[in-house]
Amino acid sequence: HKPVLIQPAPQAPASVEVFSVQFGSFQREERARQLSEELASRGYHPFITAISMPDGTMSHRVRVGRFTTREEAMKLAAAIESTEKISVFVTSK
C-alpha cells in the first residue's frame, strides 16, 4: 500500500483561493484512506484534509486537484462524473 498523505486544511493567503474536487467527507479516517487508495489506484492524485468540526469531531475530506479558478475545477468535476458515474462537487474550503 502506498501511504496516503493527510494534510491540515490548506492555509492559502486570503487573496489566493484554491479550488478542489471533493469525493467525500468521513468522520472515520480509515474510510477516507480507503477511498483515497481506491482513487489512487484509478490514476487520481487524492489528498485528505482533516477539518475540526464545531461539535469537536473531525471530518476527513477526500479531494483531488488544486486549481486557481473554479472553472478549472468544474471541468475536472464534470470529467470525473462522466467517467466514474458518481457525484462530486467543487469546493474552495
Protein backbone atom coordinates (compact mmCIF):
# COMPACT_ATOMS: atom_id res chain seq x y z
CA HIS A 1 0.00 0.00 0.00
CA LYS A 2 1.20 3.44 -0.86
CA PRO A 3 0.92 5.80 2.13
CA VAL A 4 -1.83 8.37 1.84
CA LEU A 5 -0.92 11.87 2.90
CA ILE A 6 -3.28 13.55 5.35
CA GLN A 7 -2.83 17.29 5.42
CA PRO A 8 -4.30 20.01 7.57
CA ALA A 9 -6.67 22.27 5.68
CA PRO A 10 -4.59 24.42 3.31
CA GLN A 11 -3.81 27.86 4.66
CA ALA A 12 -3.59 29.87 1.45
CA PRO A 13 -3.21 33.65 1.60
CA ALA A 14 -6.57 35.41 1.74
CA SER A 15 -6.11 36.75 -1.80
CA VAL A 16 -5.50 33.30 -3.29
CA GLU A 17 -8.44 30.93 -3.48
CA VAL A 18 -7.73 27.28 -4.23
CA PHE A 19 -10.42 25.01 -5.69
CA SER A 20 -10.56 21.22 -5.40
CA VAL A 21 -12.97 18.45 -6.33
CA GLN A 22 -14.34 16.68 -3.26
CA PHE A 23 -15.25 12.99 -3.45
CA GLY A 24 -16.41 12.53 0.12
CA SER A 25 -16.24 13.51 3.76
CA PHE A 26 -15.94 10.97 6.56
CA GLN A 27 -15.74 11.03 10.35
CA ARG A 28 -13.62 7.89 10.26
CA GLU A 29 -10.12 8.48 8.91
CA GLU A 30 -9.98 4.81 7.86
CA ARG A 31 -12.86 5.27 5.40
CA ALA A 32 -11.23 8.37 3.91
CA ARG A 33 -8.00 6.42 3.46
CA GLN A 34 -9.85 3.56 1.75
CA LEU A 35 -11.47 5.92 -0.75
CA SER A 36 -8.18 7.72 -1.31
CA GLU A 37 -6.39 4.44 -2.04
CA GLU A 38 -9.16 3.40 -4.43
CA LEU A 39 -8.91 6.73 -6.28
CA ALA A 40 -5.11 6.47 -6.45
CA SER A 41 -5.44 3.00 -7.99
CA ARG A 42 -7.57 4.61 -10.73
CA GLY A 43 -4.90 7.18 -11.54
CA TYR A 44 -6.08 10.13 -9.46
CA HIS A 45 -3.85 12.01 -7.03
CA PRO A 46 -6.11 12.37 -3.99
CA PHE A 47 -5.32 14.10 -0.74
CA ILE A 48 -7.14 14.14 2.57
CA THR A 49 -7.78 17.25 4.62
CA ALA A 50 -8.69 16.87 8.27
CA ILE A 51 -11.12 19.54 9.45
CA SER A 52 -12.15 20.09 13.07
CA MET A 53 -15.92 20.46 13.24
CA PRO A 54 -17.81 22.75 15.66
CA ASP A 55 -19.07 19.73 17.63
CA GLY A 56 -15.49 18.57 18.30
CA THR A 57 -15.46 15.72 15.76
CA MET A 58 -13.11 15.51 12.80
CA SER A 59 -14.12 15.46 9.16
CA HIS A 60 -11.70 13.76 6.76
CA ARG A 61 -12.33 15.11 3.28
CA VAL A 62 -11.07 13.29 0.20
CA ARG A 63 -10.20 15.69 -2.59
CA VAL A 64 -8.40 15.88 -5.92
CA GLY A 65 -6.76 18.85 -7.61
CA ARG A 66 -5.66 22.31 -6.57
CA PHE A 67 -6.83 24.90 -9.07
CA THR A 68 -6.67 28.68 -9.09
CA THR A 69 -10.06 29.02 -10.80
CA ARG A 70 -13.43 27.42 -10.14
CA GLU A 71 -13.78 26.82 -13.91
CA GLU A 72 -10.72 24.52 -13.99
CA ALA A 73 -12.06 22.53 -11.05
CA MET A 74 -15.53 22.35 -12.64
CA LYS A 75 -14.01 20.84 -15.80
CA LEU A 76 -12.34 18.13 -13.74
CA ALA A 77 -15.55 17.51 -11.76
CA ALA A 78 -17.54 17.09 -14.99
CA ALA A 79 -14.96 14.66 -16.37
CA ILE A 80 -14.97 12.65 -13.13
CA GLU A 81 -18.77 12.47 -13.02
CA SER A 82 -18.87 11.35 -16.65
CA THR A 83 -16.12 8.75 -16.26
CA GLU A 84 -16.80 7.44 -12.76
CA LYS A 85 -20.61 7.83 -12.72
CA ILE A 86 -20.52 9.39 -9.25
CA SER A 87 -21.41 12.82 -7.89
CA VAL A 88 -18.61 15.11 -6.77
CA PHE A 89 -18.51 18.82 -6.06
CA VAL A 90 -16.10 21.73 -6.23
CA THR A 91 -15.03 23.37 -3.00
CA SER A 92 -12.72 26.20 -2.08
CA LYS A 93 -12.52 25.49 1.64
